[in-house]
Amino acid sequence: MRTIGALPKSVLILEFFGMVILALALLSLNHTLTLPAPFNTSLAEIVMIFIGVLLMLPAAVVLMWRIAQRLAPQLMTRTPDSSSRSDRDKPHDSNH
């Protein structure tokens, strides 16, 4: 059985790049790290923060989906809808 925290490799790679971009943006905002000219503007730093957060969102979505599946499996399973059939077509003991 898979654990809730086990994420696919593609999601982990996106999470890693998101954290790196977010860390670079925050270090640049605090003037701890000087980035090259196109990335050193305040607009570029704000865009880097948004990109970093957006790259981290798939991991949150996957975790929330797995938690929802674990907590409410009845809501996540696809079963044929029996309410769409008419009353005559439903199996009853009195229907011979």
N, C-alpha and C. Protein backbone atom coordinates (compact mmCIF):
# COMPACT_ATOMS: atom_id res chain seq x y z
N MET A 1 0.84 -1.17 0.00
CA MET A 1 0.00 0.00 0.00
C MET A 1 0.89 1.24 0.00
N ARG A 2 0.56 2.18 -0.86
CA ARG A 2 1.37 3.40 -0.97
C ARG A 2 1.06 4.34 0.18
N THR A 3 2.07 5.03 0.61
CA THR A 3 1.85 6.02 1.67
C THR A 3 1.33 7.31 1.05
N ILE A 4 0.78 8.14 1.90
CA ILE A 4 0.22 9.41 1.41
C ILE A 4 1.32 10.33 0.90
N GLY A 5 2.47 10.32 1.56
CA GLY A 5 3.53 11.26 1.23
C GLY A 5 4.39 10.88 0.05
N ALA A 6 4.23 9.69 -0.51
CA ALA A 6 5.03 9.28 -1.66
C ALA A 6 4.52 9.99 -2.90
N LEU A 7 5.35 10.85 -3.47
CA LEU A 7 4.97 11.64 -4.64
C LEU A 7 5.66 11.13 -5.89
N PRO A 8 5.05 11.29 -7.06
CA PRO A 8 5.70 10.91 -8.31
C PRO A 8 6.96 11.76 -8.54
N LYS A 9 7.89 11.22 -9.32
CA LYS A 9 9.16 11.92 -9.56
C LYS A 9 8.96 13.26 -10.25
N SER A 10 8.02 13.33 -11.18
CA SER A 10 7.80 14.60 -11.89
C SER A 10 7.32 15.68 -10.93
N VAL A 11 6.48 15.32 -9.97
CA VAL A 11 6.00 16.29 -9.00
C VAL A 11 7.14 16.70 -8.06
N LEU A 12 7.99 15.75 -7.71
CA LEU A 12 9.13 16.08 -6.85
C LEU A 12 10.11 17.01 -7.56
N ILE A 13 10.31 16.80 -8.85
CA ILE A 13 11.20 17.69 -9.61
C ILE A 13 10.64 19.10 -9.66
N LEU A 14 9.34 19.22 -9.92
CA LEU A 14 8.71 20.54 -9.91
C LEU A 14 8.81 21.20 -8.55
N GLU A 15 8.62 20.43 -7.50
CA GLU A 15 8.73 20.95 -6.13
C GLU A 15 10.16 21.46 -5.87
N PHE A 16 11.14 20.69 -6.31
CA PHE A 16 12.54 21.09 -6.10
C PHE A 16 12.85 22.40 -6.82
N PHE A 17 12.46 22.49 -8.11
CA PHE A 17 12.74 23.73 -8.86
C PHE A 17 11.98 24.91 -8.27
N GLY A 18 10.77 24.67 -7.79
CA GLY A 18 10.01 25.74 -7.14
C GLY A 18 10.70 26.24 -5.89
N MET A 19 11.24 25.33 -5.09
CA MET A 19 11.94 25.73 -3.87
C MET A 19 13.22 26.48 -4.19
N VAL A 20 13.94 26.05 -5.23
CA VAL A 20 15.18 26.73 -5.61
C VAL A 20 14.89 28.14 -6.10
N ILE A 21 13.88 28.29 -6.95
CA ILE A 21 13.54 29.62 -7.46
C ILE A 21 13.05 30.52 -6.34
N LEU A 22 12.25 29.97 -5.45
CA LEU A 22 11.76 30.75 -4.31
C LEU A 22 12.90 31.16 -3.39
N ALA A 23 13.84 30.27 -3.14
CA ALA A 23 14.99 30.61 -2.30
C ALA A 23 15.86 31.68 -2.96
N LEU A 24 16.08 31.56 -4.27
CA LEU A 24 16.87 32.59 -4.97
C LEU A 24 16.18 33.95 -4.91
N ALA A 25 14.88 33.96 -5.09
CA ALA A 25 14.14 35.22 -5.05
C ALA A 25 14.21 35.85 -3.65
N LEU A 26 14.05 35.04 -2.63
CA LEU A 26 14.08 35.59 -1.28
C LEU A 26 15.48 36.05 -0.87
N LEU A 27 16.51 35.30 -1.28
CA LEU A 27 17.88 35.74 -1.01
C LEU A 27 18.21 37.03 -1.76
N SER A 28 17.67 37.17 -2.94
CA SER A 28 17.90 38.38 -3.72
C SER A 28 17.15 39.57 -3.12
N LEU A 29 15.94 39.31 -2.62
CA LEU A 29 15.17 40.38 -1.98
C LEU A 29 15.86 40.90 -0.72
N ASN A 30 16.52 40.03 0.01
CA ASN A 30 17.21 40.42 1.24
C ASN A 30 18.62 40.95 0.97
N HIS A 31 19.00 41.05 -0.30
CA HIS A 31 20.32 41.53 -0.72
C HIS A 31 21.44 40.65 -0.19
N THR A 32 21.17 39.39 0.05
CA THR A 32 22.19 38.43 0.45
C THR A 32 22.89 37.88 -0.77
N LEU A 33 22.18 37.78 -1.87
CA LEU A 33 22.69 37.23 -3.11
C LEU A 33 22.42 38.21 -4.23
N THR A 34 23.43 38.46 -5.05
CA THR A 34 23.25 39.36 -6.20
C THR A 34 23.09 38.51 -7.45
N LEU A 35 21.95 38.64 -8.07
CA LEU A 35 21.66 37.89 -9.29
C LEU A 35 22.12 38.69 -10.50
N PRO A 36 22.23 38.05 -11.67
CA PRO A 36 22.59 38.78 -12.90
C PRO A 36 21.55 39.86 -13.22
N ALA A 37 21.91 40.75 -14.12
CA ALA A 37 21.13 41.96 -14.40
C ALA A 37 19.65 41.72 -14.70
N PRO A 38 19.27 40.78 -15.58
CA PRO A 38 17.82 40.68 -15.85
C PRO A 38 17.01 40.19 -14.66
N PHE A 39 17.64 39.47 -13.74
CA PHE A 39 16.93 38.91 -12.59
C PHE A 39 17.07 39.76 -11.33
N ASN A 40 17.75 40.87 -11.42
CA ASN A 40 18.03 41.69 -10.24
C ASN A 40 17.01 42.79 -10.03
N THR A 41 16.03 42.92 -10.89
CA THR A 41 15.02 43.96 -10.72
C THR A 41 13.94 43.48 -9.76
N SER A 42 13.21 44.42 -9.20
CA SER A 42 12.16 44.05 -8.24
C SER A 42 11.02 43.30 -8.93
N LEU A 43 10.72 43.66 -10.18
CA LEU A 43 9.67 42.96 -10.91
C LEU A 43 10.07 41.50 -11.15
N ALA A 44 11.31 41.27 -11.51
CA ALA A 44 11.78 39.91 -11.75
C ALA A 44 11.74 39.09 -10.46
N GLU A 45 12.04 39.71 -9.33
CA GLU A 45 12.01 39.00 -8.06
C GLU A 45 10.59 38.61 -7.68
N ILE A 46 9.64 39.49 -7.93
CA ILE A 46 8.24 39.18 -7.64
C ILE A 46 7.74 38.07 -8.56
N VAL A 47 8.13 38.13 -9.83
CA VAL A 47 7.74 37.08 -10.78
C VAL A 47 8.37 35.75 -10.36
N MET A 48 9.60 35.77 -9.89
CA MET A 48 10.25 34.54 -9.43
C MET A 48 9.52 33.95 -8.22
N ILE A 49 9.02 34.80 -7.35
CA ILE A 49 8.27 34.30 -6.19
C ILE A 49 6.99 33.60 -6.66
N PHE A 50 6.26 34.23 -7.58
CA PHE A 50 5.04 33.62 -8.08
C PHE A 50 5.33 32.32 -8.83
N ILE A 51 6.37 32.29 -9.63
CA ILE A 51 6.73 31.07 -10.36
C ILE A 51 7.11 29.96 -9.37
N GLY A 52 7.87 30.31 -8.34
CA GLY A 52 8.25 29.32 -7.34
C GLY A 52 7.05 28.73 -6.63
N VAL A 53 6.09 29.57 -6.28
CA VAL A 53 4.89 29.06 -5.61
C VAL A 53 4.05 28.22 -6.58
N LEU A 54 3.94 28.65 -7.83
CA LEU A 54 3.17 27.88 -8.81
C LEU A 54 3.79 26.51 -9.07
N LEU A 55 5.12 26.43 -9.06
CA LEU A 55 5.78 25.15 -9.27
C LEU A 55 5.60 24.21 -8.07
N MET A 56 5.31 24.77 -6.91
CA MET A 56 5.12 23.96 -5.72
C MET A 56 3.66 23.50 -5.56
N LEU A 57 2.74 24.09 -6.29
CA LEU A 57 1.33 23.74 -6.16
C LEU A 57 0.97 22.30 -6.57
N PRO A 58 1.58 21.72 -7.62
CA PRO A 58 1.20 20.33 -7.96
C PRO A 58 1.42 19.34 -6.82
N ALA A 59 2.46 19.54 -6.03
CA ALA A 59 2.69 18.63 -4.90
C ALA A 59 1.57 18.76 -3.88
N ALA A 60 1.12 19.99 -3.64
CA ALA A 60 0.02 20.19 -2.70
C ALA A 60 -1.27 19.57 -3.22
N VAL A 61 -1.51 19.68 -4.51
CA VAL A 61 -2.72 19.11 -5.11
C VAL A 61 -2.68 17.59 -5.02
N VAL A 62 -1.54 16.98 -5.30
CA VAL A 62 -1.42 15.52 -5.23
C VAL A 62 -1.62 15.04 -3.79
N LEU A 63 -1.02 15.75 -2.84
CA LEU A 63 -1.20 15.36 -1.44
C LEU A 63 -2.65 15.48 -1.00
N MET A 64 -3.30 16.57 -1.36
CA MET A 64 -4.71 16.76 -1.00
C MET A 64 -5.59 15.69 -1.65
N TRP A 65 -5.30 15.34 -2.91
CA TRP A 65 -6.07 14.31 -3.60
C TRP A 65 -5.93 12.97 -2.89
N ARG A 66 -4.71 12.61 -2.49
CA ARG A 66 -4.50 11.33 -1.82
C ARG A 66 -5.13 11.32 -0.44
N ILE A 67 -5.09 12.43 0.26
CA ILE A 67 -5.74 12.50 1.57
C ILE A 67 -7.25 12.36 1.40
N ALA A 68 -7.81 13.01 0.39
CA ALA A 68 -9.25 12.88 0.14
C ALA A 68 -9.61 11.45 -0.22
N GLN A 69 -8.78 10.77 -0.99
CA GLN A 69 -9.05 9.38 -1.33
C GLN A 69 -8.98 8.49 -0.10
N ARG A 70 -8.07 8.80 0.79
CA ARG A 70 -7.92 7.98 1.99
C ARG A 70 -9.06 8.23 2.97
N LEU A 71 -9.52 9.48 3.09
CA LEU A 71 -10.56 9.79 4.06
C LEU A 71 -11.96 9.44 3.58
N ALA A 72 -12.21 9.60 2.29
CA ALA A 72 -13.55 9.35 1.77
C ALA A 72 -13.48 8.54 0.48
N PRO A 73 -13.19 7.26 0.58
CA PRO A 73 -13.06 6.46 -0.65
C PRO A 73 -14.37 6.30 -1.40
N GLN A 74 -15.51 6.43 -0.70
CA GLN A 74 -16.80 6.30 -1.39
C GLN A 74 -17.01 7.45 -2.37
N LEU A 75 -16.48 8.62 -2.07
CA LEU A 75 -16.65 9.76 -2.95
C LEU A 75 -15.76 9.69 -4.18
N MET A 76 -14.68 8.93 -4.10
CA MET A 76 -13.70 8.90 -5.17
C MET A 76 -13.88 7.74 -6.15
N THR A 77 -14.68 6.73 -5.78
CA THR A 77 -14.84 5.58 -6.66
C THR A 77 -15.97 5.84 -7.64
N ARG A 78 -15.77 5.36 -8.85
CA ARG A 78 -16.79 5.51 -9.89
C ARG A 78 -17.60 4.22 -9.96
N THR A 79 -18.86 4.31 -9.64
CA THR A 79 -19.76 3.17 -9.75
C THR A 79 -20.89 3.53 -10.69
N PRO A 80 -21.43 2.54 -11.36
CA PRO A 80 -22.57 2.84 -12.24
C PRO A 80 -23.73 3.38 -11.42
N ASP A 81 -24.34 4.41 -11.92
CA ASP A 81 -25.43 5.07 -11.21
C ASP A 81 -26.71 4.27 -11.41
N SER A 82 -27.24 3.71 -10.34
CA SER A 82 -28.46 2.91 -10.45
C SER A 82 -29.71 3.77 -10.47
N SER A 83 -29.61 5.02 -10.11
CA SER A 83 -30.79 5.88 -10.09
C SER A 83 -31.20 6.32 -11.49
N SER A 84 -30.34 6.11 -12.49
CA SER A 84 -30.69 6.51 -13.84
C SER A 84 -31.62 5.51 -14.52
N ARG A 85 -31.69 4.31 -13.99
CA ARG A 85 -32.58 3.31 -14.58
C ARG A 85 -33.99 3.52 -14.07
N SER A 86 -34.96 3.16 -14.87
CA SER A 86 -36.35 3.31 -14.45
C SER A 86 -36.68 2.25 -13.41
N ASP A 87 -37.80 2.45 -12.73
CA ASP A 87 -38.20 1.51 -11.68
C ASP A 87 -38.51 0.13 -12.24
N ARG A 88 -39.00 0.06 -13.47
CA ARG A 88 -39.30 -1.24 -14.07
C ARG A 88 -38.04 -2.04 -14.35
N ASP A 89 -36.94 -1.36 -14.68
CA ASP A 89 -35.72 -2.05 -15.04
C ASP A 89 -34.91 -2.49 -13.82
N LYS A 90 -35.24 -1.97 -12.67
CA LYS A 90 -34.50 -2.36 -11.45
C LYS A 90 -34.92 -3.76 -11.02
N PRO A 91 -33.96 -4.55 -10.57
CA PRO A 91 -34.31 -5.92 -10.14
C PRO A 91 -35.03 -5.91 -8.80
N HIS A 92 -36.21 -6.51 -8.80
CA HIS A 92 -36.99 -6.68 -7.58
C HIS A 92 -37.45 -8.13 -7.51
N ASP A 93 -37.76 -8.56 -6.33
CA ASP A 93 -38.29 -9.92 -6.18
C ASP A 93 -39.68 -10.04 -6.77
N SER A 94 -40.45 -8.98 -6.74
CA SER A 94 -41.81 -9.05 -7.24
C SER A 94 -41.87 -8.96 -8.76
N ASN A 95 -40.77 -8.59 -9.39
CA ASN A 95 -40.70 -8.50 -10.85
C ASN A 95 -40.31 -9.85 -11.41
N HIS A 96 -41.25 -10.64 -11.91
CA HIS A 96 -40.92 -11.97 -12.43
C HIS A 96 -40.81 -11.94 -13.91
